[in-house]
N, C-alpha and C. Protein backbone atom coordinates (compact mmCIF):
# COMPACT_ATOMS: atom_id res chain seq x y z
N UNK A 1 16.92 -23.64 59.69
CA UNK A 1 16.43 -22.80 60.76
C UNK A 1 15.05 -23.25 61.23
N UNK A 2 14.25 -23.78 60.32
CA UNK A 2 12.92 -24.24 60.69
C UNK A 2 12.99 -25.40 61.69
N UNK A 3 13.96 -26.29 61.49
CA UNK A 3 14.12 -27.44 62.40
C UNK A 3 14.51 -26.94 63.79
N UNK A 4 15.45 -25.99 63.82
CA UNK A 4 15.89 -25.43 65.11
C UNK A 4 14.71 -24.77 65.81
N UNK A 5 13.94 -24.01 65.04
CA UNK A 5 12.78 -23.31 65.61
C UNK A 5 11.78 -24.32 66.17
N UNK A 6 11.52 -25.38 65.44
CA UNK A 6 10.57 -26.41 65.89
C UNK A 6 11.04 -27.05 67.18
N UNK A 7 12.34 -27.36 67.26
CA UNK A 7 12.88 -27.98 68.48
C UNK A 7 12.74 -27.03 69.66
N UNK A 8 13.10 -25.75 69.44
CA UNK A 8 13.02 -24.77 70.51
C UNK A 8 11.59 -24.60 71.01
N UNK A 9 10.65 -24.50 70.05
CA UNK A 9 9.24 -24.33 70.41
C UNK A 9 8.74 -25.54 71.18
N UNK A 10 9.11 -26.73 70.74
CA UNK A 10 8.67 -27.95 71.42
C UNK A 10 9.20 -28.00 72.85
N UNK A 11 10.41 -27.52 73.05
CA UNK A 11 11.01 -27.56 74.38
C UNK A 11 10.41 -26.53 75.33
N UNK A 12 9.97 -25.38 74.80
CA UNK A 12 9.51 -24.31 75.69
C UNK A 12 7.99 -24.29 75.87
N UNK A 13 7.25 -24.98 75.01
CA UNK A 13 5.78 -24.95 75.12
C UNK A 13 5.26 -25.40 76.49
N UNK A 14 5.87 -26.40 77.14
CA UNK A 14 5.35 -26.79 78.46
C UNK A 14 5.44 -25.67 79.51
N UNK A 15 6.30 -24.69 79.26
CA UNK A 15 6.49 -23.61 80.22
C UNK A 15 5.71 -22.35 79.83
N UNK A 16 4.84 -22.46 78.84
CA UNK A 16 4.13 -21.30 78.32
C UNK A 16 3.24 -20.67 79.39
N UNK A 17 3.46 -19.37 79.63
CA UNK A 17 2.68 -18.65 80.63
C UNK A 17 1.59 -17.82 79.99
N UNK A 18 1.92 -17.14 78.90
CA UNK A 18 0.96 -16.25 78.25
C UNK A 18 1.07 -16.40 76.74
N UNK A 19 -0.07 -16.37 76.08
CA UNK A 19 -0.08 -16.45 74.62
C UNK A 19 -1.17 -15.53 74.07
N UNK A 20 -0.81 -14.75 73.09
CA UNK A 20 -1.80 -13.88 72.44
C UNK A 20 -1.51 -13.81 70.95
N UNK A 21 -2.56 -13.60 70.18
CA UNK A 21 -2.43 -13.46 68.73
C UNK A 21 -2.81 -12.04 68.34
N UNK A 22 -1.99 -11.46 67.49
CA UNK A 22 -2.22 -10.09 67.02
C UNK A 22 -2.41 -10.14 65.51
N UNK A 23 -3.42 -9.42 65.02
CA UNK A 23 -3.66 -9.31 63.58
C UNK A 23 -3.41 -7.87 63.16
N UNK A 24 -2.45 -7.67 62.26
CA UNK A 24 -2.10 -6.32 61.80
C UNK A 24 -1.99 -6.31 60.28
N UNK A 25 -2.25 -5.16 59.69
CA UNK A 25 -2.10 -5.00 58.25
C UNK A 25 -0.63 -4.87 57.90
N UNK A 26 -0.35 -5.05 56.62
CA UNK A 26 1.02 -4.92 56.12
C UNK A 26 1.59 -3.53 56.47
N UNK A 27 2.90 -3.52 56.72
CA UNK A 27 3.69 -2.29 56.92
C UNK A 27 3.32 -1.51 58.17
N UNK A 28 2.63 -2.16 59.11
CA UNK A 28 2.40 -1.55 60.42
C UNK A 28 3.56 -1.92 61.34
N UNK A 29 3.73 -1.17 62.41
CA UNK A 29 4.73 -1.48 63.43
C UNK A 29 4.05 -2.23 64.59
N UNK A 30 4.80 -3.11 65.24
CA UNK A 30 4.26 -3.86 66.37
C UNK A 30 5.34 -3.98 67.44
N UNK A 31 4.90 -3.94 68.69
CA UNK A 31 5.82 -4.10 69.82
C UNK A 31 5.30 -5.22 70.72
N UNK A 32 6.20 -6.16 71.03
CA UNK A 32 5.86 -7.27 71.91
C UNK A 32 6.58 -7.08 73.25
N UNK A 33 5.85 -7.29 74.32
CA UNK A 33 6.44 -7.18 75.66
C UNK A 33 6.87 -8.55 76.17
N UNK A 34 8.03 -8.56 76.77
CA UNK A 34 8.51 -9.81 77.37
C UNK A 34 8.11 -9.82 78.84
N UNK A 35 6.81 -9.79 79.08
CA UNK A 35 6.31 -9.71 80.45
C UNK A 35 4.84 -10.10 80.46
N UNK A 36 4.32 -10.29 81.67
CA UNK A 36 2.92 -10.63 81.85
C UNK A 36 2.55 -10.28 83.28
N UNK A 37 1.25 -10.05 83.52
CA UNK A 37 0.81 -9.70 84.88
C UNK A 37 1.10 -10.84 85.85
N UNK A 38 1.13 -12.08 85.36
CA UNK A 38 1.42 -13.22 86.22
C UNK A 38 2.90 -13.29 86.58
N UNK A 39 3.72 -12.73 85.71
CA UNK A 39 5.17 -12.80 85.92
C UNK A 39 5.67 -11.51 86.57
N UNK A 40 5.35 -10.37 85.95
CA UNK A 40 5.78 -9.04 86.42
C UNK A 40 7.30 -9.00 86.62
N UNK A 41 8.00 -9.11 85.51
CA UNK A 41 9.45 -9.22 85.51
C UNK A 41 10.11 -8.04 86.22
N UNK A 42 9.52 -6.85 86.11
CA UNK A 42 10.15 -5.65 86.68
C UNK A 42 10.28 -5.73 88.20
N UNK A 43 9.49 -6.55 88.84
CA UNK A 43 9.55 -6.66 90.32
C UNK A 43 10.49 -7.76 90.79
N UNK A 44 11.04 -8.51 89.84
CA UNK A 44 11.90 -9.63 90.20
C UNK A 44 13.34 -9.13 90.37
N UNK A 45 13.96 -9.54 91.44
CA UNK A 45 15.35 -9.15 91.68
C UNK A 45 16.11 -10.39 92.18
N UNK A 46 17.25 -10.66 91.62
CA UNK A 46 17.87 -9.97 90.49
C UNK A 46 17.13 -10.25 89.19
N UNK A 47 17.34 -9.41 88.21
CA UNK A 47 16.64 -9.53 86.94
C UNK A 47 17.02 -10.83 86.23
N UNK A 48 16.01 -11.55 85.73
CA UNK A 48 16.32 -12.80 85.00
C UNK A 48 16.86 -12.50 83.61
N UNK A 49 17.42 -13.52 83.00
CA UNK A 49 17.85 -13.40 81.60
C UNK A 49 16.63 -13.57 80.69
N UNK A 50 16.61 -12.78 79.62
CA UNK A 50 15.47 -12.86 78.70
C UNK A 50 15.99 -12.99 77.27
N UNK A 51 15.35 -13.86 76.53
CA UNK A 51 15.74 -14.09 75.13
C UNK A 51 14.48 -14.17 74.26
N UNK A 52 14.59 -13.62 73.06
CA UNK A 52 13.49 -13.71 72.08
C UNK A 52 13.84 -14.76 71.05
N UNK A 53 12.87 -15.57 70.70
CA UNK A 53 13.02 -16.51 69.58
C UNK A 53 12.05 -16.05 68.49
N UNK A 54 12.62 -15.69 67.34
CA UNK A 54 11.82 -15.18 66.22
C UNK A 54 11.24 -16.34 65.41
N UNK A 55 10.24 -16.06 64.55
CA UNK A 55 9.68 -17.12 63.71
C UNK A 55 10.71 -17.77 62.78
N UNK A 56 11.80 -17.06 62.50
CA UNK A 56 12.85 -17.62 61.63
C UNK A 56 13.76 -18.57 62.39
N UNK A 57 13.62 -18.61 63.74
CA UNK A 57 14.49 -19.45 64.55
C UNK A 57 15.66 -18.68 65.14
N UNK A 58 15.79 -17.41 64.76
CA UNK A 58 16.88 -16.59 65.29
C UNK A 58 16.61 -16.25 66.75
N UNK A 59 17.68 -16.31 67.58
CA UNK A 59 17.57 -15.99 68.99
C UNK A 59 18.18 -14.61 69.23
N UNK A 60 17.42 -13.74 69.89
CA UNK A 60 17.87 -12.38 70.19
C UNK A 60 18.01 -12.24 71.69
N UNK A 61 19.19 -11.80 72.12
CA UNK A 61 19.45 -11.61 73.54
C UNK A 61 19.69 -10.13 73.83
N UNK A 62 20.08 -9.85 75.08
CA UNK A 62 20.22 -8.46 75.52
C UNK A 62 21.28 -7.70 74.74
N UNK A 63 22.32 -8.39 74.27
CA UNK A 63 23.41 -7.72 73.56
C UNK A 63 23.12 -7.55 72.06
N UNK A 64 21.87 -7.75 71.65
CA UNK A 64 21.49 -7.62 70.24
C UNK A 64 21.66 -6.18 69.77
N UNK A 65 22.22 -6.02 68.58
CA UNK A 65 22.38 -4.69 67.98
C UNK A 65 21.15 -4.39 67.12
N UNK A 66 20.49 -3.30 67.42
CA UNK A 66 19.26 -2.95 66.69
C UNK A 66 19.54 -2.75 65.21
N UNK A 67 18.56 -3.13 64.39
CA UNK A 67 18.62 -2.91 62.95
C UNK A 67 17.51 -1.94 62.57
N UNK A 68 17.43 -1.64 61.27
CA UNK A 68 16.38 -0.73 60.80
C UNK A 68 15.00 -1.39 60.85
N UNK A 69 14.99 -2.70 61.04
CA UNK A 69 13.74 -3.46 61.02
C UNK A 69 13.33 -3.96 62.40
N UNK A 70 14.32 -4.35 63.22
CA UNK A 70 14.05 -4.93 64.53
C UNK A 70 14.76 -4.09 65.60
N UNK A 71 14.00 -3.72 66.63
CA UNK A 71 14.55 -2.95 67.75
C UNK A 71 14.28 -3.69 69.05
N UNK A 72 15.26 -3.70 69.93
CA UNK A 72 15.12 -4.32 71.24
C UNK A 72 15.22 -3.22 72.29
N UNK A 73 14.14 -3.05 73.06
CA UNK A 73 14.09 -1.99 74.06
C UNK A 73 14.78 -2.39 75.36
N UNK A 74 14.88 -1.42 76.28
CA UNK A 74 15.55 -1.65 77.56
C UNK A 74 14.87 -2.70 78.40
N UNK A 75 13.57 -2.84 78.29
CA UNK A 75 12.82 -3.86 79.05
C UNK A 75 12.64 -5.13 78.24
N UNK A 76 13.50 -5.30 77.24
CA UNK A 76 13.43 -6.46 76.33
C UNK A 76 12.13 -6.47 75.51
N UNK A 77 11.56 -5.28 75.32
CA UNK A 77 10.41 -5.17 74.41
C UNK A 77 10.91 -5.24 72.98
N UNK A 78 10.29 -6.08 72.19
CA UNK A 78 10.72 -6.30 70.81
C UNK A 78 9.81 -5.54 69.86
N UNK A 79 10.39 -4.68 69.04
CA UNK A 79 9.62 -3.88 68.07
C UNK A 79 10.01 -4.29 66.66
N UNK A 80 8.99 -4.64 65.87
CA UNK A 80 9.17 -4.96 64.45
C UNK A 80 8.56 -3.82 63.65
N UNK A 81 9.35 -3.20 62.79
CA UNK A 81 8.85 -2.08 62.00
C UNK A 81 8.47 -2.55 60.60
N UNK A 82 7.35 -2.02 60.12
CA UNK A 82 6.85 -2.30 58.76
C UNK A 82 6.81 -3.80 58.51
N UNK A 83 5.92 -4.46 59.20
CA UNK A 83 5.83 -5.92 59.12
C UNK A 83 5.50 -6.37 57.70
N UNK A 84 6.04 -7.53 57.36
CA UNK A 84 5.80 -8.13 56.04
C UNK A 84 5.65 -9.64 56.22
N UNK A 85 5.52 -10.36 55.13
CA UNK A 85 5.26 -11.80 55.21
C UNK A 85 6.29 -12.54 56.06
N UNK A 86 7.57 -12.18 55.94
CA UNK A 86 8.60 -12.91 56.67
C UNK A 86 8.53 -12.68 58.18
N UNK A 87 7.74 -11.70 58.60
CA UNK A 87 7.59 -11.42 60.04
C UNK A 87 6.41 -12.17 60.66
N UNK A 88 5.58 -12.78 59.82
CA UNK A 88 4.40 -13.48 60.35
C UNK A 88 4.84 -14.76 61.05
N UNK A 89 4.16 -15.06 62.15
CA UNK A 89 4.48 -16.28 62.89
C UNK A 89 4.40 -16.03 64.38
N UNK A 90 5.06 -16.90 65.15
CA UNK A 90 4.97 -16.83 66.60
C UNK A 90 6.33 -16.42 67.19
N UNK A 91 6.26 -15.46 68.11
CA UNK A 91 7.44 -14.96 68.81
C UNK A 91 7.39 -15.44 70.26
N UNK A 92 8.52 -15.96 70.73
CA UNK A 92 8.59 -16.47 72.11
C UNK A 92 9.63 -15.67 72.88
N UNK A 93 9.22 -15.19 74.05
CA UNK A 93 10.17 -14.58 74.96
C UNK A 93 10.40 -15.57 76.11
N UNK A 94 11.63 -16.02 76.22
CA UNK A 94 11.99 -17.01 77.25
C UNK A 94 12.66 -16.28 78.41
N UNK A 95 12.06 -16.39 79.59
CA UNK A 95 12.58 -15.75 80.80
C UNK A 95 13.25 -16.82 81.66
N UNK A 96 14.55 -16.68 81.84
CA UNK A 96 15.33 -17.69 82.59
C UNK A 96 15.72 -17.09 83.94
N UNK A 97 15.24 -17.70 85.02
CA UNK A 97 15.52 -17.22 86.38
C UNK A 97 16.83 -17.80 86.90
N UNK A 98 17.29 -17.22 87.98
CA UNK A 98 18.57 -17.65 88.56
C UNK A 98 18.51 -19.07 89.10
N UNK A 99 17.33 -19.51 89.46
CA UNK A 99 17.19 -20.88 89.97
C UNK A 99 16.97 -21.89 88.84
N UNK A 100 17.23 -21.43 87.58
CA UNK A 100 17.15 -22.27 86.39
C UNK A 100 15.72 -22.66 85.99
N UNK A 101 14.74 -22.03 86.56
CA UNK A 101 13.36 -22.21 86.08
C UNK A 101 13.11 -21.17 85.00
N UNK A 102 12.09 -21.45 84.16
CA UNK A 102 11.81 -20.52 83.06
C UNK A 102 10.31 -20.27 82.95
N UNK A 103 10.01 -19.12 82.39
CA UNK A 103 8.66 -18.78 81.95
C UNK A 103 8.75 -18.38 80.48
N UNK A 104 7.65 -18.60 79.77
CA UNK A 104 7.63 -18.28 78.34
C UNK A 104 6.40 -17.44 78.03
N UNK A 105 6.61 -16.33 77.34
CA UNK A 105 5.53 -15.48 76.86
C UNK A 105 5.53 -15.58 75.33
N UNK A 106 4.37 -15.86 74.77
CA UNK A 106 4.26 -16.06 73.32
C UNK A 106 3.35 -15.01 72.70
N UNK A 107 3.78 -14.49 71.56
CA UNK A 107 2.98 -13.53 70.79
C UNK A 107 2.88 -14.04 69.35
N UNK A 108 1.66 -14.18 68.85
CA UNK A 108 1.46 -14.57 67.46
C UNK A 108 1.16 -13.36 66.60
N UNK A 109 1.81 -13.27 65.46
CA UNK A 109 1.58 -12.15 64.54
C UNK A 109 1.09 -12.71 63.20
N UNK A 110 -0.19 -12.46 62.91
CA UNK A 110 -0.79 -12.93 61.65
C UNK A 110 -0.47 -14.40 61.40
N UNK A 111 -0.69 -15.22 62.41
CA UNK A 111 -0.35 -16.64 62.29
C UNK A 111 -1.24 -17.36 61.28
N UNK A 112 -2.40 -16.80 60.98
CA UNK A 112 -3.31 -17.42 59.99
C UNK A 112 -3.17 -16.79 58.61
N UNK A 113 -2.15 -15.97 58.40
CA UNK A 113 -1.95 -15.34 57.10
C UNK A 113 -2.15 -13.84 57.18
N UNK A 114 -2.02 -13.16 56.05
CA UNK A 114 -2.13 -11.69 56.03
C UNK A 114 -3.48 -11.21 56.52
N UNK A 115 -3.47 -10.04 57.10
CA UNK A 115 -4.69 -9.40 57.59
C UNK A 115 -4.87 -8.10 56.82
N UNK A 116 -6.06 -7.92 56.26
CA UNK A 116 -6.31 -6.75 55.42
C UNK A 116 -7.30 -5.78 56.06
N UNK A 117 -7.72 -6.04 57.28
CA UNK A 117 -8.66 -5.14 57.93
C UNK A 117 -10.04 -5.26 57.30
N UNK A 118 -10.89 -4.33 57.62
CA UNK A 118 -12.24 -4.32 57.07
C UNK A 118 -12.24 -3.49 55.79
N UNK A 119 -11.79 -4.11 54.69
CA UNK A 119 -11.66 -3.38 53.44
C UNK A 119 -13.00 -2.90 52.91
N UNK A 120 -14.06 -3.68 53.11
CA UNK A 120 -15.38 -3.28 52.62
C UNK A 120 -15.82 -1.99 53.29
N UNK A 121 -15.63 -1.90 54.60
CA UNK A 121 -16.04 -0.70 55.32
C UNK A 121 -15.19 0.49 54.90
N UNK A 122 -13.92 0.25 54.66
CA UNK A 122 -13.01 1.34 54.33
C UNK A 122 -13.27 1.91 52.95
N UNK A 123 -13.58 1.04 51.98
CA UNK A 123 -13.71 1.49 50.59
C UNK A 123 -15.16 1.50 50.11
N UNK A 124 -16.13 1.38 51.03
CA UNK A 124 -17.53 1.32 50.64
C UNK A 124 -17.94 2.59 49.86
N UNK A 125 -17.60 3.76 50.37
CA UNK A 125 -18.00 5.02 49.73
C UNK A 125 -17.37 5.14 48.35
N UNK A 126 -16.08 4.85 48.25
CA UNK A 126 -15.39 4.94 46.95
C UNK A 126 -15.97 3.94 45.95
N UNK A 127 -16.33 2.75 46.42
CA UNK A 127 -16.92 1.75 45.54
C UNK A 127 -18.28 2.21 45.02
N UNK A 128 -19.08 2.86 45.89
CA UNK A 128 -20.39 3.35 45.46
C UNK A 128 -20.24 4.45 44.41
N UNK A 129 -19.32 5.39 44.63
CA UNK A 129 -19.09 6.47 43.68
C UNK A 129 -18.62 5.91 42.34
N UNK A 130 -17.69 4.96 42.39
CA UNK A 130 -17.19 4.34 41.16
C UNK A 130 -18.28 3.60 40.40
N UNK A 131 -19.15 2.88 41.12
CA UNK A 131 -20.24 2.16 40.47
C UNK A 131 -21.24 3.08 39.80
N UNK A 132 -21.59 4.18 40.49
CA UNK A 132 -22.53 5.14 39.92
C UNK A 132 -21.94 5.80 38.68
N UNK A 133 -20.67 6.19 38.75
CA UNK A 133 -20.01 6.82 37.60
C UNK A 133 -19.96 5.87 36.40
N UNK A 134 -19.65 4.60 36.66
CA UNK A 134 -19.60 3.61 35.57
C UNK A 134 -20.98 3.42 34.95
N UNK A 135 -22.04 3.38 35.78
CA UNK A 135 -23.40 3.20 35.25
C UNK A 135 -23.82 4.39 34.39
N UNK A 136 -23.53 5.61 34.85
CA UNK A 136 -23.88 6.81 34.07
C UNK A 136 -23.14 6.82 32.74
N UNK A 137 -21.85 6.48 32.76
CA UNK A 137 -21.07 6.44 31.52
C UNK A 137 -21.62 5.40 30.56
N UNK A 138 -22.00 4.23 31.09
CA UNK A 138 -22.56 3.19 30.24
C UNK A 138 -23.87 3.64 29.59
N UNK A 139 -24.73 4.31 30.34
CA UNK A 139 -26.01 4.80 29.80
C UNK A 139 -25.77 5.82 28.69
N UNK A 140 -24.83 6.73 28.88
CA UNK A 140 -24.54 7.76 27.86
C UNK A 140 -24.02 7.11 26.59
N UNK A 141 -23.10 6.16 26.72
CA UNK A 141 -22.56 5.49 25.53
C UNK A 141 -23.63 4.68 24.82
N UNK A 142 -24.48 3.98 25.57
CA UNK A 142 -25.55 3.18 24.97
C UNK A 142 -26.55 4.08 24.23
N UNK A 143 -26.90 5.22 24.83
CA UNK A 143 -27.83 6.15 24.18
C UNK A 143 -27.23 6.70 22.89
N UNK A 144 -25.96 7.04 22.91
CA UNK A 144 -25.30 7.55 21.71
C UNK A 144 -25.32 6.50 20.59
N UNK A 145 -25.04 5.24 20.95
CA UNK A 145 -25.03 4.17 19.96
C UNK A 145 -26.42 3.97 19.34
N UNK A 146 -27.47 4.02 20.15
CA UNK A 146 -28.83 3.83 19.64
C UNK A 146 -29.21 4.97 18.70
N UNK A 147 -28.92 6.21 19.11
CA UNK A 147 -29.24 7.38 18.25
C UNK A 147 -28.47 7.29 16.95
N UNK A 148 -27.20 6.96 17.01
CA UNK A 148 -26.39 6.86 15.80
C UNK A 148 -26.94 5.80 14.87
N UNK A 149 -27.33 4.68 15.43
CA UNK A 149 -27.81 3.58 14.59
C UNK A 149 -29.10 3.97 13.85
N UNK A 150 -30.08 4.50 14.57
CA UNK A 150 -31.37 4.79 13.96
C UNK A 150 -31.37 6.06 13.12
N UNK A 151 -30.52 6.99 13.42
CA UNK A 151 -30.56 8.27 12.71
C UNK A 151 -29.65 8.28 11.49
N UNK A 152 -28.45 7.73 11.61
CA UNK A 152 -27.47 7.84 10.54
C UNK A 152 -27.34 6.57 9.71
N UNK A 153 -27.27 5.42 10.35
CA UNK A 153 -27.08 4.18 9.60
C UNK A 153 -28.29 3.88 8.73
N UNK A 154 -29.52 4.05 9.25
CA UNK A 154 -30.73 3.79 8.46
C UNK A 154 -30.83 4.74 7.28
N UNK A 155 -30.50 6.02 7.48
CA UNK A 155 -30.56 7.01 6.40
C UNK A 155 -29.55 6.70 5.32
N UNK A 156 -28.34 6.32 5.70
CA UNK A 156 -27.32 5.99 4.71
C UNK A 156 -27.71 4.75 3.91
N UNK A 157 -28.36 3.80 4.57
CA UNK A 157 -28.78 2.60 3.87
C UNK A 157 -29.80 2.91 2.79
N UNK A 158 -30.78 3.81 3.06
CA UNK A 158 -31.78 4.19 2.05
C UNK A 158 -31.16 4.93 0.90
N UNK A 159 -30.26 5.85 1.16
CA UNK A 159 -29.58 6.60 0.10
C UNK A 159 -28.75 5.67 -0.78
N UNK A 160 -28.14 4.66 -0.18
CA UNK A 160 -27.31 3.75 -0.96
C UNK A 160 -28.16 2.95 -1.95
N UNK A 161 -29.37 2.54 -1.53
CA UNK A 161 -30.24 1.78 -2.42
C UNK A 161 -30.63 2.61 -3.63
N UNK A 162 -30.96 3.90 -3.41
CA UNK A 162 -31.34 4.77 -4.53
C UNK A 162 -30.17 4.97 -5.47
N UNK A 163 -28.97 5.17 -4.89
CA UNK A 163 -27.78 5.38 -5.72
C UNK A 163 -27.50 4.15 -6.56
N UNK A 164 -27.71 2.97 -5.98
CA UNK A 164 -27.43 1.74 -6.73
C UNK A 164 -28.41 1.59 -7.89
N UNK A 165 -29.69 1.94 -7.67
CA UNK A 165 -30.68 1.81 -8.75
C UNK A 165 -30.36 2.79 -9.88
N UNK A 166 -30.12 4.06 -9.52
CA UNK A 166 -29.80 5.06 -10.53
C UNK A 166 -28.51 4.71 -11.26
N UNK A 167 -27.54 4.26 -10.55
CA UNK A 167 -26.27 3.90 -11.17
C UNK A 167 -26.42 2.75 -12.13
N UNK A 168 -27.26 1.80 -11.80
CA UNK A 168 -27.48 0.65 -12.68
C UNK A 168 -28.14 1.10 -13.98
N UNK A 169 -29.19 1.96 -13.91
CA UNK A 169 -29.89 2.43 -15.10
C UNK A 169 -28.97 3.26 -15.98
N UNK A 170 -28.16 4.12 -15.38
CA UNK A 170 -27.25 4.96 -16.15
C UNK A 170 -26.25 4.11 -16.89
N UNK A 171 -25.77 3.08 -16.23
CA UNK A 171 -24.79 2.21 -16.88
C UNK A 171 -25.41 1.50 -18.08
N UNK A 172 -26.67 1.08 -17.95
CA UNK A 172 -27.34 0.39 -19.07
C UNK A 172 -27.43 1.31 -20.28
N UNK A 173 -27.90 2.54 -20.07
CA UNK A 173 -28.04 3.48 -21.19
C UNK A 173 -26.69 3.85 -21.76
N UNK A 174 -25.72 4.04 -20.94
CA UNK A 174 -24.39 4.40 -21.44
C UNK A 174 -23.79 3.28 -22.25
N UNK A 175 -24.02 2.06 -21.85
CA UNK A 175 -23.47 0.92 -22.58
C UNK A 175 -24.11 0.80 -23.97
N UNK A 176 -25.42 1.05 -24.09
CA UNK A 176 -26.10 0.96 -25.39
C UNK A 176 -25.58 2.04 -26.34
N UNK A 177 -25.44 3.25 -25.82
CA UNK A 177 -24.96 4.35 -26.66
C UNK A 177 -23.52 4.09 -27.09
N UNK A 178 -22.69 3.55 -26.19
CA UNK A 178 -21.30 3.28 -26.52
C UNK A 178 -21.20 2.19 -27.58
N UNK A 179 -22.02 1.17 -27.44
CA UNK A 179 -21.99 0.09 -28.43
C UNK A 179 -22.40 0.60 -29.81
N UNK A 180 -23.40 1.47 -29.85
CA UNK A 180 -23.84 2.02 -31.15
C UNK A 180 -22.74 2.86 -31.76
N UNK A 181 -22.05 3.62 -31.00
CA UNK A 181 -20.97 4.48 -31.51
C UNK A 181 -19.83 3.64 -32.03
N UNK A 182 -19.50 2.56 -31.30
CA UNK A 182 -18.34 1.75 -31.67
C UNK A 182 -18.63 0.91 -32.91
N UNK A 183 -19.80 0.31 -32.97
CA UNK A 183 -20.07 -0.63 -34.07
C UNK A 183 -20.80 0.04 -35.23
N UNK A 184 -21.36 1.21 -34.96
CA UNK A 184 -22.15 1.91 -35.97
C UNK A 184 -23.22 0.98 -36.51
N UNK A 185 -23.92 0.29 -35.64
CA UNK A 185 -24.94 -0.67 -36.02
C UNK A 185 -26.17 0.08 -36.51
N UNK A 186 -26.72 -0.32 -37.71
CA UNK A 186 -27.94 0.36 -38.21
C UNK A 186 -29.11 0.10 -37.27
N UNK A 187 -29.92 1.10 -37.11
CA UNK A 187 -31.10 0.99 -36.27
C UNK A 187 -32.32 1.09 -37.15
N UNK A 188 -33.33 0.22 -36.99
CA UNK A 188 -34.59 0.19 -37.73
C UNK A 188 -34.37 0.07 -39.23
N UNK A 189 -33.39 -0.73 -39.64
CA UNK A 189 -33.20 -0.99 -41.06
C UNK A 189 -32.35 0.03 -41.78
N UNK A 190 -31.93 1.09 -41.13
CA UNK A 190 -31.06 2.08 -41.77
C UNK A 190 -29.69 1.48 -41.97
N UNK A 191 -29.03 1.97 -43.01
CA UNK A 191 -27.68 1.51 -43.29
C UNK A 191 -26.71 2.38 -42.52
N UNK A 192 -25.51 1.95 -42.46
CA UNK A 192 -24.48 2.71 -41.76
C UNK A 192 -24.29 4.07 -42.40
N UNK A 193 -24.46 4.16 -43.75
CA UNK A 193 -24.30 5.43 -44.45
C UNK A 193 -25.40 6.38 -44.04
N UNK A 194 -26.66 5.85 -43.90
CA UNK A 194 -27.78 6.70 -43.49
C UNK A 194 -27.54 7.29 -42.08
N UNK A 195 -26.98 6.47 -41.24
CA UNK A 195 -26.69 6.93 -39.88
C UNK A 195 -25.68 8.04 -39.91
N UNK A 196 -24.64 7.90 -40.77
CA UNK A 196 -23.61 8.92 -40.89
C UNK A 196 -24.19 10.22 -41.42
N UNK A 197 -25.10 10.11 -42.42
CA UNK A 197 -25.72 11.31 -43.00
C UNK A 197 -26.58 12.01 -41.99
N UNK A 198 -27.27 11.24 -41.15
CA UNK A 198 -28.12 11.85 -40.14
C UNK A 198 -27.27 12.65 -39.13
N UNK A 199 -26.08 12.16 -38.84
CA UNK A 199 -25.20 12.89 -37.92
C UNK A 199 -24.77 14.20 -38.52
N UNK A 200 -24.53 14.22 -39.82
CA UNK A 200 -24.11 15.45 -40.50
C UNK A 200 -25.29 16.40 -40.63
């Protein structure tokens, strides 16, 4: 279809009367007129034949059956509903007169790619609100982390050092007493019997 479209466009470009480019956002509707002030088809009698050539290479004539996406009006006005990527390109309306001469009206739709409008202007307020909210949330979380670190982590660290020192000393004394009980080792020259008598 691309080859057919290229051939058709090459053949009709010398007869081009009017050309315009339209930039629209996704899912908008657009209507192209098969007319121009230089041509004024409505004043021509008898009415010439008119055909649309779509960017896909498809040719639409007067007997075209409307679809949910493409509508052909009584004056050969072409309406595309909810435009998408496949609708982007150049549309040609070829007007064929009874004397076999032709005029061509061209409409470009997003020929340079998708059009998103002025997104910065549209979302400026929302972006400012979102930025301020994110900054406030970050400050609250950072303040909480700082308070937690200096108030709780430092205190727990000091308590742990004291517990470790006390625990170490207790273990030393407990180990000495346990060893004396288990081995019944004489202390200061006393015999094991003297130690037993002292307990009694």
